[in-house]
Amino acid sequence: MNPIALRLLNQQLISPQFSDPADVVAHMGAIQAQEYRMMRWGVAMRTRKPSLKAFKQAFDSGLIVRLHLMRGTWQLVAAEDYWPLLQLCAPKALAVIQGWMHSNRVSIGDEEAARIREILVQTVDDKGSAVKEDFVQALAMRGITMDEHRLSYHLRMAELTGTLCSGELLPMKASYSLVSVKMGPQTRFDRDEALLMLTRKYFNSRQPATLEDFVWWSGLNIGDCRRGIAMMGDAIHMVRWQGREFYLTEDCRTRGFRKDRYHLIPPYDEYLISYKSRDIVLSPDYRHRAHNNSGIFQPVIAHDGMICGNWAPFKQGNLMEFFLGDHETDLQQEWARYRNFQCK
């Protein structure tokens, strides 16, 4: 087994199968969207012809939705998966947020939560798509002031209760829309059905991966993750590799890998954040060049899947710094792919 080649193929980083950004997000189940500007490249680089315009169209139309969902962080999900994933993941995500609030000695009672949510809804309803500054102004007009952290807690709770979701894609700022307008009425799903769907999508798009990887990524408890794998039945099997137990599905892509390929990978990308243990593609000696212990991820360069350097997406020029291996190969083709994406 060549786990690096398999991950590149199944994560759609080599020989991508999709042209539509929404299809990529649906294939992945959820895509980390912590960095508002770079999440666009994280999706587009997995399409046949990366296009910022195509991503914006899918995002603005609601085919791709951004919200806090797993582990208390931002993800992109496909519209078709919004309701089942929200119902599956929201209880654990709310518990995470409440734990943060307790640690920071923040208390939000039911009365306050209901009152603020009503103001948030009214603001978005009036504007169609609202940013944080709009909420701050609407609250001030009612004599309410609160710091940014408290407002963020209210916004996250509104997301996790199916009230607010992402609005229009703006250059720099996140905006919010009403779920009732953008996503339509709530659809009820059986919990096992949603769990099976998430499990299948995770392993189809991240394989080979371990149980521990799935637990980390999904934010679910280990019992749920084991149950999801069990429900897949014969569609998934275990392979031992270098003393670890990895799972592969019957649909695993194995053909299409090409050598000597570079990737400009954005921060928080699924290529790293999908797994609890990242040493298969990232040497432990250079872990600090990709992320720190506080969960801050950097833009990295991969050569044939191995993380070997850093790049600077927002600075002038093709700025790169390699920390692993001898890399004299010209990366102009990959840089051109990234620059063309911004123009199309």
C-alpha atoms as a PDB file:
ATOM      1  CA  MET A   1       0.000   0.000   0.000  1.00  0.00           C
ATOM      2  CA  ASN A   2       1.189   3.492  -0.880  1.00  0.00           C
ATOM      3  CA  PRO A   3      -0.848   5.646   1.526  1.00  0.00           C
ATOM      4  CA  ILE A   4       0.405   8.950   0.122  1.00  0.00           C
ATOM      5  CA  ALA A   5      -0.606   8.144  -3.456  1.00  0.00           C
ATOM      6  CA  LEU A   6      -4.003   6.873  -2.290  1.00  0.00           C
ATOM      7  CA  ARG A   7      -4.674  10.012  -0.262  1.00  0.00           C
ATOM      8  CA  LEU A   8      -3.711  12.290  -3.134  1.00  0.00           C
ATOM      9  CA  LEU A   9      -6.089  10.425  -5.437  1.00  0.00           C
ATOM     10  CA  ASN A  10      -9.037  10.123  -3.071  1.00  0.00           C
ATOM     11  CA  GLN A  11      -8.694  13.702  -1.832  1.00  0.00           C
ATOM     12  CA  GLN A  12      -8.927  14.777  -5.497  1.00  0.00           C
ATOM     13  CA  LEU A  13      -5.484  16.400  -5.454  1.00  0.00           C
ATOM     14  CA  ILE A  14      -4.286  14.192  -8.307  1.00  0.00           C
ATOM     15  CA  SER A  15      -6.442  13.482 -11.384  1.00  0.00           C
ATOM     16  CA  PRO A  16      -9.519  15.272  -9.972  1.00  0.00           C
ATOM     17  CA  GLN A  17     -12.849  13.805 -11.018  1.00  0.00           C
ATOM     18  CA  PHE A  18     -15.059  16.872 -10.536  1.00  0.00           C
ATOM     19  CA  SER A  19     -15.590  20.139 -12.379  1.00  0.00           C
ATOM     20  CA  ASP A  20     -18.161  21.694 -10.014  1.00  0.00           C
ATOM     21  CA  PRO A  21     -16.895  23.030  -6.648  1.00  0.00           C
ATOM     22  CA  ALA A  22     -20.136  21.899  -4.983  1.00  0.00           C
ATOM     23  CA  ASP A  23     -19.446  18.324  -6.099  1.00  0.00           C
ATOM     24  CA  VAL A  24     -16.017  18.473  -4.459  1.00  0.00           C
ATOM     25  CA  VAL A  25     -17.515  19.603  -1.147  1.00  0.00           C
ATOM     26  CA  ALA A  26     -20.180  16.891  -1.353  1.00  0.00           C
ATOM     27  CA  HIS A  27     -17.495  14.273  -2.027  1.00  0.00           C
ATOM     28  CA  MET A  28     -15.418  15.411   0.959  1.00  0.00           C
ATOM     29  CA  GLY A  29     -18.386  15.602   3.338  1.00  0.00           C
ATOM     30  CA  ALA A  30     -16.964  18.739   4.941  1.00  0.00           C
ATOM     31  CA  ILE A  31     -13.953  20.927   4.155  1.00  0.00           C
ATOM     32  CA  GLN A  32     -12.171  23.042   6.736  1.00  0.00           C
ATOM     33  CA  ALA A  33     -12.852  26.731   6.104  1.00  0.00           C
ATOM     34  CA  GLN A  34     -10.969  28.485   8.878  1.00  0.00           C
ATOM     35  CA  GLU A  35      -9.182  30.872   6.503  1.00  0.00           C
ATOM     36  CA  TYR A  36     -11.933  32.782   4.714  1.00  0.00           C
ATOM     37  CA  ARG A  37      -9.879  33.691   1.644  1.00  0.00           C
ATOM     38  CA  MET A  38      -7.953  30.451   1.219  1.00  0.00           C
ATOM     39  CA  MET A  39     -10.924  28.084   1.652  1.00  0.00           C
ATOM     40  CA  ARG A  40     -11.765  28.949  -1.959  1.00  0.00           C
ATOM     41  CA  TRP A  41      -8.482  27.535  -3.230  1.00  0.00           C
ATOM     42  CA  GLY A  42      -8.872  24.532  -0.917  1.00  0.00           C
ATOM     43  CA  VAL A  43     -11.993  23.566  -2.877  1.00  0.00           C
ATOM     44  CA  ALA A  44     -10.993  24.799  -6.334  1.00  0.00           C
ATOM     45  CA  MET A  45      -7.613  23.026  -6.379  1.00  0.00           C
ATOM     46  CA  ARG A  46      -9.586  19.761  -6.252  1.00  0.00           C
ATOM     47  CA  THR A  47     -11.482  20.554  -9.464  1.00  0.00           C
ATOM     48  CA  ARG A  48     -10.386  19.929 -13.034  1.00  0.00           C
ATOM     49  CA  LYS A  49     -10.244  23.638 -13.874  1.00  0.00           C
ATOM     50  CA  PRO A  50      -9.949  25.785 -10.706  1.00  0.00           C
ATOM     51  CA  SER A  51     -12.143  28.874 -10.913  1.00  0.00           C
ATOM     52  CA  LEU A  52     -12.845  31.502  -8.246  1.00  0.00           C
ATOM     53  CA  LYS A  53     -15.941  32.571 -10.185  1.00  0.00           C
ATOM     54  CA  ALA A  54     -17.329  29.020 -10.117  1.00  0.00           C
ATOM     55  CA  PHE A  55     -16.719  28.790  -6.369  1.00  0.00           C
ATOM     56  CA  LYS A  56     -18.448  32.119  -5.733  1.00  0.00           C
ATOM     57  CA  GLN A  57     -21.461  31.088  -7.811  1.00  0.00           C
ATOM     58  CA  ALA A  58     -21.825  27.857  -5.829  1.00  0.00           C
ATOM     59  CA  PHE A  59     -21.328  29.658  -2.520  1.00  0.00           C
ATOM     60  CA  ASP A  60     -23.686  32.565  -3.208  1.00  0.00           C
ATOM     61  CA  SER A  61     -26.417  30.247  -4.487  1.00  0.00           C
ATOM     62  CA  GLY A  62     -26.258  28.113  -1.340  1.00  0.00           C
ATOM     63  CA  LEU A  63     -24.883  24.975  -2.999  1.00  0.00           C
ATOM     64  CA  ILE A  64     -21.910  25.377  -0.639  1.00  0.00           C
ATOM     65  CA  VAL A  65     -22.542  26.511   2.939  1.00  0.00           C
ATOM     66  CA  ARG A  66     -20.059  27.709   5.571  1.00  0.00           C
ATOM     67  CA  LEU A  67     -20.746  27.331   9.277  1.00  0.00           C
ATOM     68  CA  HIS A  68     -19.212  26.265  12.578  1.00  0.00           C
ATOM     69  CA  LEU A  69     -19.908  22.549  12.713  1.00  0.00           C
ATOM     70  CA  MET A  70     -17.160  20.161  13.839  1.00  0.00           C
ATOM     71  CA  ARG A  71     -14.773  20.736  16.737  1.00  0.00           C
ATOM     72  CA  GLY A  72     -16.124  24.261  17.141  1.00  0.00           C
ATOM     73  CA  THR A  73     -14.443  25.358  13.888  1.00  0.00           C
ATOM     74  CA  TRP A  74     -15.496  26.513  10.425  1.00  0.00           C
ATOM     75  CA  GLN A  75     -16.403  24.002   7.717  1.00  0.00           C
ATOM     76  CA  LEU A  76     -17.861  24.056   4.227  1.00  0.00           C
ATOM     77  CA  VAL A  77     -20.631  21.546   3.539  1.00  0.00           C
ATOM     78  CA  ALA A  78     -22.798  20.852   0.519  1.00  0.00           C
ATOM     79  CA  ALA A  79     -26.411  21.995   0.644  1.00  0.00           C
ATOM     80  CA  GLU A  80     -27.594  18.396   0.311  1.00  0.00           C
ATOM     81  CA  ASP A  81     -25.681  17.467   3.473  1.00  0.00           C
ATOM     82  CA  TYR A  82     -26.498  20.552   5.547  1.00  0.00           C
ATOM     83  CA  TRP A  83     -29.466  19.268   7.558  1.00  0.00           C
ATOM     84  CA  PRO A  84     -28.218  15.729   8.274  1.00  0.00           C
ATOM     85  CA  LEU A  85     -24.763  16.971   9.312  1.00  0.00           C
ATOM     86  CA  LEU A  86     -26.210  19.734  11.461  1.00  0.00           C
ATOM     87  CA  GLN A  87     -28.472  17.292  13.299  1.00  0.00           C
ATOM     88  CA  LEU A  88     -25.604  14.825  13.746  1.00  0.00           C
ATOM     89  CA  CYS A  89     -22.845  17.224  14.798  1.00  0.00           C
ATOM     90  CA  ALA A  90     -24.600  20.175  16.472  1.00  0.00           C
ATOM     91  CA  PRO A  91     -25.095  18.600  19.949  1.00  0.00           C
ATOM     92  CA  LYS A  92     -21.364  17.876  20.341  1.00  0.00           C
ATOM     93  CA  ALA A  93     -20.395  21.226  18.806  1.00  0.00           C
ATOM     94  CA  LEU A  94     -22.691  23.109  21.184  1.00  0.00           C
ATOM     95  CA  ALA A  95     -21.154  21.244  24.107  1.00  0.00           C
ATOM     96  CA  VAL A  96     -17.676  22.330  22.925  1.00  0.00           C
ATOM     97  CA  ILE A  97     -18.775  25.968  22.741  1.00  0.00           C
ATOM     98  CA  GLN A  98     -20.383  25.806  26.169  1.00  0.00           C
ATOM     99  CA  GLY A  99     -17.129  24.390  27.522  1.00  0.00           C
ATOM    100  CA  TRP A 100     -15.212  27.334  26.064  1.00  0.00           C
ATOM    101  CA  MET A 101     -17.732  29.747  27.558  1.00  0.00           C
ATOM    102  CA  HIS A 102     -17.367  28.132  30.968  1.00  0.00           C
ATOM    103  CA  SER A 103     -13.564  28.336  30.747  1.00  0.00           C
ATOM    104  CA  ASN A 104     -13.799  32.030  29.840  1.00  0.00           C
ATOM    105  CA  ARG A 105     -16.422  32.673  32.561  1.00  0.00           C
ATOM    106  CA  VAL A 106     -19.056  33.658  30.044  1.00  0.00           C
ATOM    107  CA  SER A 107     -22.673  32.831  30.856  1.00  0.00           C
ATOM    108  CA  ILE A 108     -25.490  33.253  28.340  1.00  0.00           C
ATOM    109  CA  GLY A 109     -28.934  32.407  29.663  1.00  0.00           C
ATOM    110  CA  ASP A 110     -31.897  31.270  27.608  1.00  0.00           C
ATOM    111  CA  GLU A 111     -33.580  34.672  27.826  1.00  0.00           C
ATOM    112  CA  GLU A 112     -30.522  36.509  26.521  1.00  0.00           C
ATOM    113  CA  ALA A 113     -29.943  33.911  23.791  1.00  0.00           C
ATOM    114  CA  ALA A 114     -33.546  34.231  22.548  1.00  0.00           C
ATOM    115  CA  ARG A 115     -33.491  38.028  22.624  1.00  0.00           C
ATOM    116  CA  ILE A 116     -30.182  38.367  20.771  1.00  0.00           C
ATOM    117  CA  ARG A 117     -31.144  35.709  18.229  1.00  0.00           C
ATOM    118  CA  GLU A 118     -34.298  37.653  17.423  1.00  0.00           C
ATOM    119  CA  ILE A 119     -32.181  40.746  16.729  1.00  0.00           C
ATOM    120  CA  LEU A 120     -29.743  38.762  14.580  1.00  0.00           C
ATOM    121  CA  VAL A 121     -32.605  37.308  12.553  1.00  0.00           C
ATOM    122  CA  GLN A 122     -34.246  40.696  12.062  1.00  0.00           C
ATOM    123  CA  THR A 123     -30.956  42.252  10.947  1.00  0.00           C
ATOM    124  CA  VAL A 124     -30.293  39.552   8.370  1.00  0.00           C
ATOM    125  CA  ASP A 125     -33.904  39.627   7.214  1.00  0.00           C
ATOM    126  CA  ASP A 126     -33.638  43.383   6.601  1.00  0.00           C
ATOM    127  CA  LYS A 127     -30.313  43.221   4.768  1.00  0.00           C
ATOM    128  CA  GLY A 128     -30.452  39.830   3.072  1.00  0.00           C
ATOM    129  CA  SER A 129     -26.799  39.266   3.926  1.00  0.00           C
ATOM    130  CA  ALA A 130     -25.251  40.813   7.053  1.00  0.00           C
ATOM    131  CA  VAL A 131     -21.722  41.088   8.490  1.00  0.00           C
ATOM    132  CA  LYS A 132     -20.660  41.426  12.126  1.00  0.00           C
ATOM    133  CA  GLU A 133     -20.620  45.219  11.954  1.00  0.00           C
ATOM    134  CA  ASP A 134     -24.308  45.156  10.993  1.00  0.00           C
ATOM    135  CA  PHE A 135     -25.093  43.113  14.099  1.00  0.00           C
ATOM    136  CA  VAL A 136     -23.056  45.425  16.325  1.00  0.00           C
ATOM    137  CA  GLN A 137     -24.958  48.425  14.951  1.00  0.00           C
ATOM    138  CA  ALA A 138     -28.357  46.732  15.341  1.00  0.00           C
ATOM    139  CA  LEU A 139     -27.577  45.820  18.946  1.00  0.00           C
ATOM    140  CA  ALA A 140     -26.336  49.353  19.702  1.00  0.00           C
ATOM    141  CA  MET A 141     -29.582  50.816  18.367  1.00  0.00           C
ATOM    142  CA  ARG A 142     -31.327  48.792  21.065  1.00  0.00           C
ATOM    143  CA  GLY A 143     -28.925  49.886  23.762  1.00  0.00           C
ATOM    144  CA  ILE A 144     -27.012  46.598  23.824  1.00  0.00           C
ATOM    145  CA  THR A 145     -23.226  46.465  23.796  1.00  0.00           C
ATOM    146  CA  MET A 146     -21.128  43.316  23.990  1.00  0.00           C
ATOM    147  CA  ASP A 147     -17.550  42.375  23.216  1.00  0.00           C
ATOM    148  CA  GLU A 148     -16.632  40.487  20.062  1.00  0.00           C
ATOM    149  CA  HIS A 149     -16.217  37.147  21.842  1.00  0.00           C
ATOM    150  CA  ARG A 150     -19.707  37.240  23.320  1.00  0.00           C
ATOM    151  CA  LEU A 151     -21.218  38.164  19.953  1.00  0.00           C
ATOM    152  CA  SER A 152     -19.253  35.300  18.359  1.00  0.00           C
ATOM    153  CA  TYR A 153     -20.802  32.851  20.821  1.00  0.00           C
ATOM    154  CA  HIS A 154     -24.275  34.096  19.889  1.00  0.00           C
ATOM    155  CA  LEU A 155     -23.512  33.736  16.176  1.00  0.00           C
ATOM    156  CA  ARG A 156     -22.170  30.202  16.620  1.00  0.00           C
ATOM    157  CA  MET A 157     -25.233  29.162  18.601  1.00  0.00           C
ATOM    158  CA  ALA A 158     -27.441  30.648  15.875  1.00  0.00           C
ATOM    159  CA  GLU A 159     -25.556  28.561  13.303  1.00  0.00           C
ATOM    160  CA  LEU A 160     -25.815  25.354  15.305  1.00  0.00           C
ATOM    161  CA  THR A 161     -29.548  25.772  15.900  1.00  0.00           C
ATOM    162  CA  GLY A 162     -30.170  26.098  12.163  1.00  0.00           C
ATOM    163  CA  THR A 163     -30.955  29.824  12.261  1.00  0.00           C
ATOM    164  CA  LEU A 164     -28.032  31.456  10.434  1.00  0.00           C
ATOM    165  CA  CYS A 165     -25.613  30.218   7.777  1.00  0.00           C
ATOM    166  CA  SER A 166     -23.195  31.809   5.339  1.00  0.00           C
ATOM    167  CA  GLY A 167     -24.398  34.663   3.169  1.00  0.00           C
ATOM    168  CA  GLU A 168     -22.803  36.302   0.139  1.00  0.00           C
ATOM    169  CA  LEU A 169     -19.114  35.578  -0.497  1.00  0.00           C
ATOM    170  CA  LEU A 170     -17.313  38.844   0.218  1.00  0.00           C
ATOM    171  CA  PRO A 171     -13.613  39.518  -0.456  1.00  0.00           C
ATOM    172  CA  MET A 172     -12.505  39.626   3.192  1.00  0.00           C
ATOM    173  CA  LYS A 173     -15.440  39.377   5.625  1.00  0.00           C
ATOM    174  CA  ALA A 174     -17.812  36.559   6.461  1.00  0.00           C
ATOM    175  CA  SER A 175     -21.486  37.350   5.975  1.00  0.00           C
ATOM    176  CA  TYR A 176     -24.625  35.638   7.231  1.00  0.00           C
ATOM    177  CA  SER A 177     -27.994  34.692   5.725  1.00  0.00           C
ATOM    178  CA  LEU A 178     -31.125  33.114   7.120  1.00  0.00           C
ATOM    179  CA  VAL A 179     -31.172  29.334   6.863  1.00  0.00           C
ATOM    180  CA  SER A 180     -34.925  29.472   6.255  1.00  0.00           C
ATOM    181  CA  VAL A 181     -34.290  31.549   3.129  1.00  0.00           C
ATOM    182  CA  LYS A 182     -31.088  30.005   1.812  1.00  0.00           C
ATOM    183  CA  MET A 183     -31.575  26.349   2.743  1.00  0.00           C
ATOM    184  CA  GLY A 184     -35.335  26.010   3.001  1.00  0.00           C
ATOM    185  CA  PRO A 185     -37.293  24.280   5.771  1.00  0.00           C
ATOM    186  CA  GLN A 186     -35.657  21.763   8.064  1.00  0.00           C
ATOM    187  CA  THR A 187     -35.631  18.162   6.904  1.00  0.00           C
ATOM    188  CA  ARG A 188     -35.485  15.448   9.541  1.00  0.00           C
ATOM    189  CA  PHE A 189     -32.972  12.622   9.181  1.00  0.00           C
ATOM    190  CA  ASP A 190     -32.452   9.435  11.109  1.00  0.00           C
ATOM    191  CA  ARG A 191     -29.266   9.783  13.178  1.00  0.00           C
ATOM    192  CA  ASP A 192     -27.834   6.468  11.989  1.00  0.00           C
ATOM    193  CA  GLU A 193     -28.512   7.478   8.407  1.00  0.00           C
ATOM    194  CA  ALA A 194     -26.570  10.727   8.904  1.00  0.00           C
ATOM    195  CA  LEU A 195     -23.749   8.905  10.730  1.00  0.00           C
ATOM    196  CA  LEU A 196     -23.418   6.347   7.940  1.00  0.00           C
ATOM    197  CA  MET A 197     -23.348   9.104   5.328  1.00  0.00           C
ATOM    198  CA  LEU A 198     -20.588  11.013   7.142  1.00  0.00           C
ATOM    199  CA  THR A 199     -18.538   7.868   7.747  1.00  0.00           C
ATOM    200  CA  ARG A 200     -18.779   6.820   4.113  1.00  0.00           C
ATOM    201  CA  LYS A 201     -17.802  10.260   2.831  1.00  0.00           C
ATOM    202  CA  TYR A 202     -14.894  10.557   5.228  1.00  0.00           C
ATOM    203  CA  PHE A 203     -13.257   7.276   4.287  1.00  0.00           C
ATOM    204  CA  ASN A 204     -14.095   7.556   0.579  1.00  0.00           C
ATOM    205  CA  SER A 205     -12.286  10.895   0.421  1.00  0.00           C
ATOM    206  CA  ARG A 206      -9.500  10.487   3.031  1.00  0.00           C
ATOM    207  CA  GLN A 207      -8.490   6.850   2.768  1.00  0.00           C
ATOM    208  CA  PRO A 208      -6.392   5.269   4.007  1.00  0.00           C
ATOM    209  CA  ALA A 209      -7.306   6.599   7.457  1.00  0.00           C
ATOM    210  CA  THR A 210      -7.493   5.190  10.970  1.00  0.00           C
ATOM    211  CA  LEU A 211     -10.315   5.101  13.485  1.00  0.00           C
ATOM    212  CA  GLU A 212      -8.410   7.710  15.521  1.00  0.00           C
ATOM    213  CA  ASP A 213      -8.214   9.952  12.462  1.00  0.00           C
ATOM    214  CA  PHE A 214     -11.982   9.764  12.006  1.00  0.00           C
ATOM    215  CA  VAL A 215     -12.656  10.483  15.681  1.00  0.00           C
ATOM    216  CA  TRP A 216     -10.382  13.533  15.569  1.00  0.00           C
ATOM    217  CA  TRP A 217     -11.799  14.920  12.344  1.00  0.00           C
ATOM    218  CA  SER A 218     -15.499  14.359  13.008  1.00  0.00           C
ATOM    219  CA  GLY A 219     -15.495  15.519  16.628  1.00  0.00           C
ATOM    220  CA  LEU A 220     -17.838  12.629  17.435  1.00  0.00           C
ATOM    221  CA  ASN A 221     -17.223  10.168  20.242  1.00  0.00           C
ATOM    222  CA  ILE A 222     -15.364   6.951  19.529  1.00  0.00           C
ATOM    223  CA  GLY A 223     -18.500   4.828  19.987  1.00  0.00           C
ATOM    224  CA  ASP A 224     -20.296   6.715  17.206  1.00  0.00           C
ATOM    225  CA  CYS A 225     -17.266   6.407  14.930  1.00  0.00           C
ATOM    226  CA  ARG A 226     -16.995   2.661  15.498  1.00  0.00           C
ATOM    227  CA  ARG A 227     -20.719   2.317  14.831  1.00  0.00           C
ATOM    228  CA  GLY A 228     -20.422   4.268  11.578  1.00  0.00           C
ATOM    229  CA  ILE A 229     -17.641   1.961  10.375  1.00  0.00           C
ATOM    230  CA  ALA A 230     -19.621  -1.114  11.411  1.00  0.00           C
ATOM    231  CA  MET A 231     -22.681   0.095   9.477  1.00  0.00           C
ATOM    232  CA  MET A 232     -20.580   0.261   6.297  1.00  0.00           C
ATOM    233  CA  GLY A 233     -20.294  -3.524   6.452  1.00  0.00           C
ATOM    234  CA  ASP A 234     -18.430  -5.130   3.551  1.00  0.00           C
ATOM    235  CA  ALA A 235     -17.987  -1.740   1.867  1.00  0.00           C
ATOM    236  CA  ILE A 236     -14.966  -1.091   4.091  1.00  0.00           C
ATOM    237  CA  HIS A 237     -12.060  -3.234   5.257  1.00  0.00           C
ATOM    238  CA  MET A 238      -8.973  -2.900   7.425  1.00  0.00           C
ATOM    239  CA  VAL A 239      -5.378  -2.990   6.202  1.00  0.00           C
ATOM    240  CA  ARG A 240      -2.349  -3.124   8.493  1.00  0.00           C
ATOM    241  CA  TRP A 241       0.557  -0.920   7.441  1.00  0.00           C
ATOM    242  CA  GLN A 242       3.676  -0.290   9.512  1.00  0.00           C
ATOM    243  CA  GLY A 243       1.971  -1.401  12.704  1.00  0.00           C
ATOM    244  CA  ARG A 244      -1.184   0.701  12.217  1.00  0.00           C
ATOM    245  CA  GLU A 245      -4.722  -0.233  11.258  1.00  0.00           C
ATOM    246  CA  PHE A 246      -6.040   1.719   8.272  1.00  0.00           C
ATOM    247  CA  TYR A 247      -9.431   1.514   6.602  1.00  0.00           C
ATOM    248  CA  LEU A 248     -10.013   1.339   2.863  1.00  0.00           C
ATOM    249  CA  THR A 249     -13.318   1.245   1.013  1.00  0.00           C
ATOM    250  CA  GLU A 250     -14.314  -0.887  -1.933  1.00  0.00           C
ATOM    251  CA  ASP A 251     -14.452   2.329  -4.007  1.00  0.00           C
ATOM    252  CA  CYS A 252     -10.860   3.336  -3.248  1.00  0.00           C
ATOM    253  CA  ARG A 253      -9.179   5.085  -6.178  1.00  0.00           C
ATOM    254  CA  THR A 254      -5.851   3.475  -6.994  1.00  0.00           C
ATOM    255  CA  ARG A 255      -5.033   4.699 -10.510  1.00  0.00           C
ATOM    256  CA  GLY A 256      -4.002   8.078 -11.816  1.00  0.00           C
ATOM    257  CA  PHE A 257      -1.052   8.952  -9.572  1.00  0.00           C
ATOM    258  CA  ARG A 258       1.661  10.967 -11.325  1.00  0.00           C
ATOM    259  CA  LYS A 259       5.139  11.553  -9.922  1.00  0.00           C
ATOM    260  CA  ASP A 260       7.019  14.836  -9.606  1.00  0.00           C
ATOM    261  CA  ARG A 261       3.882  16.849  -8.880  1.00  0.00           C
ATOM    262  CA  TYR A 262       3.885  19.877  -6.607  1.00  0.00           C
ATOM    263  CA  HIS A 263       0.888  21.296  -4.740  1.00  0.00           C
ATOM    264  CA  LEU A 264       0.484  24.725  -3.164  1.00  0.00           C
ATOM    265  CA  ILE A 265      -1.642  23.737  -0.191  1.00  0.00           C
ATOM    266  CA  PRO A 266      -3.589  26.398   1.746  1.00  0.00           C
ATOM    267  CA  PRO A 267      -3.562  26.646   5.546  1.00  0.00           C
ATOM    268  CA  TYR A 268      -6.018  24.349   7.376  1.00  0.00           C
ATOM    269  CA  ASP A 269      -6.365  22.177   4.300  1.00  0.00           C
ATOM    270  CA  GLU A 270      -7.941  18.736   4.573  1.00  0.00           C
ATOM    271  CA  TYR A 271      -4.733  17.129   3.338  1.00  0.00           C
ATOM    272  CA  LEU A 272      -3.329  17.631   6.839  1.00  0.00           C
ATOM    273  CA  ILE A 273      -6.241  18.486   9.101  1.00  0.00           C
ATOM    274  CA  SER A 274      -8.193  15.329   8.165  1.00  0.00           C
ATOM    275  CA  TYR A 275      -5.846  13.184  10.253  1.00  0.00           C
ATOM    276  CA  LYS A 276      -4.854  13.093  13.895  1.00  0.00           C
ATOM    277  CA  SER A 277      -1.440  11.667  13.010  1.00  0.00           C
ATOM    278  CA  ARG A 278       0.189  13.483  10.107  1.00  0.00           C
ATOM    279  CA  ASP A 279       3.641  11.897  10.045  1.00  0.00           C
ATOM    280  CA  ILE A 280       2.870   9.914   6.872  1.00  0.00           C
ATOM    281  CA  VAL A 281       3.160  13.124   4.822  1.00  0.00           C
ATOM    282  CA  LEU A 282       4.857  15.476   7.307  1.00  0.00           C
ATOM    283  CA  SER A 283       8.152  14.708   8.998  1.00  0.00           C
ATOM    284  CA  PRO A 284       7.787  15.222  12.786  1.00  0.00           C
ATOM    285  CA  ASP A 285      11.027  17.235  12.671  1.00  0.00           C
ATOM    286  CA  TYR A 286       9.260  19.879  10.586  1.00  0.00           C
ATOM    287  CA  ARG A 287       5.797  19.770  12.112  1.00  0.00           C
ATOM    288  CA  HIS A 288       6.247  23.332  13.407  1.00  0.00           C
ATOM    289  CA  ARG A 289       6.588  24.536   9.815  1.00  0.00           C
ATOM    290  CA  ALA A 290       3.061  23.313   9.038  1.00  0.00           C
ATOM    291  CA  HIS A 291       1.176  23.931  12.299  1.00  0.00           C
ATOM    292  CA  ASN A 292       1.723  24.750  15.962  1.00  0.00           C
ATOM    293  CA  ASN A 293       0.272  23.213  19.114  1.00  0.00           C
ATOM    294  CA  SER A 294      -2.470  25.857  19.222  1.00  0.00           C
ATOM    295  CA  GLY A 295      -3.979  24.648  15.948  1.00  0.00           C
ATOM    296  CA  ILE A 296      -2.656  27.421  13.686  1.00  0.00           C
ATOM    297  CA  PHE A 297      -1.882  25.963  10.238  1.00  0.00           C
ATOM    298  CA  GLN A 298       0.439  27.487   7.630  1.00  0.00           C
ATOM    299  CA  PRO A 299       0.400  27.353   3.808  1.00  0.00           C
ATOM    300  CA  VAL A 300       2.645  24.458   2.776  1.00  0.00           C
ATOM    301  CA  ILE A 301       4.119  22.948  -0.368  1.00  0.00           C
ATOM    302  CA  ALA A 302       3.847  19.235  -1.106  1.00  0.00           C
ATOM    303  CA  HIS A 303       6.035  17.327  -3.532  1.00  0.00           C
ATOM    304  CA  ASP A 304       4.585  13.957  -4.486  1.00  0.00           C
ATOM    305  CA  GLY A 305       2.448  14.310  -1.368  1.00  0.00           C
ATOM    306  CA  MET A 306       5.268  14.964   1.133  1.00  0.00           C
ATOM    307  CA  ILE A 307       5.172  18.347   2.871  1.00  0.00           C
ATOM    308  CA  CYS A 308       8.491  19.974   2.035  1.00  0.00           C
ATOM    309  CA  GLY A 309       8.148  23.756   2.207  1.00  0.00           C
ATOM    310  CA  ASN A 310       6.083  26.885   2.784  1.00  0.00           C
ATOM    311  CA  TRP A 311       4.635  29.441   0.399  1.00  0.00           C
ATOM    312  CA  ALA A 312       3.128  32.919   0.754  1.00  0.00           C
ATOM    313  CA  PRO A 313      -0.206  33.240  -1.079  1.00  0.00           C
ATOM    314  CA  PHE A 314      -0.802  36.918  -0.306  1.00  0.00           C
ATOM    315  CA  LYS A 315       2.625  38.394  -1.051  1.00  0.00           C
ATOM    316  CA  GLN A 316       3.941  39.647  -4.363  1.00  0.00           C
ATOM    317  CA  GLY A 317       6.048  37.156  -6.273  1.00  0.00           C
ATOM    318  CA  ASN A 318       6.287  33.397  -6.045  1.00  0.00           C
ATOM    319  CA  LEU A 319       7.661  33.272  -2.506  1.00  0.00           C
ATOM    320  CA  MET A 320       8.696  29.805  -1.341  1.00  0.00           C
ATOM    321  CA  GLU A 321      10.967  28.319   1.295  1.00  0.00           C
ATOM    322  CA  PHE A 322      11.866  24.624   1.325  1.00  0.00           C
ATOM    323  CA  PHE A 323      12.846  22.802   4.500  1.00  0.00           C
ATOM    324  CA  LEU A 324      12.973  19.198   3.277  1.00  0.00           C
ATOM    325  CA  GLY A 325      14.806  17.715   0.307  1.00  0.00           C
ATOM    326  CA  ASP A 326      16.553  19.240  -2.682  1.00  0.00           C
ATOM    327  CA  HIS A 327      14.008  21.093  -4.798  1.00  0.00           C
ATOM    328  CA  GLU A 328      15.350  22.743  -7.893  1.00  0.00           C
ATOM    329  CA  THR A 329      12.296  21.908  -9.971  1.00  0.00           C
ATOM    330  CA  ASP A 330      10.455  24.935 -11.319  1.00  0.00           C
ATOM    331  CA  LEU A 331       7.027  25.377  -9.706  1.00  0.00           C
ATOM    332  CA  GLN A 332       5.808  27.835 -12.326  1.00  0.00           C
ATOM    333  CA  GLN A 333       3.114  25.431 -13.532  1.00  0.00           C
ATOM    334  CA  GLU A 334       1.552  25.157 -10.077  1.00  0.00           C
ATOM    335  CA  TRP A 335       1.902  28.890  -9.460  1.00  0.00           C
ATOM    336  CA  ALA A 336       0.207  29.542 -12.804  1.00  0.00           C
ATOM    337  CA  ARG A 337      -2.620  27.220 -11.793  1.00  0.00           C
ATOM    338  CA  TYR A 338      -3.123  29.217  -8.586  1.00  0.00           C
ATOM    339  CA  ARG A 339      -2.933  32.616 -10.327  1.00  0.00           C
ATOM    340  CA  ASN A 340      -5.297  31.515 -13.106  1.00  0.00           C
ATOM    341  CA  PHE A 341      -7.798  30.357 -10.493  1.00  0.00           C
ATOM    342  CA  GLN A 342      -7.947  33.907  -9.122  1.00  0.00           C
ATOM    343  CA  CYS A 343      -8.728  35.325 -12.565  1.00  0.00           C
ATOM    344  CA  LYS A 344     -11.329  32.799 -13.750  1.00  0.00           C
END
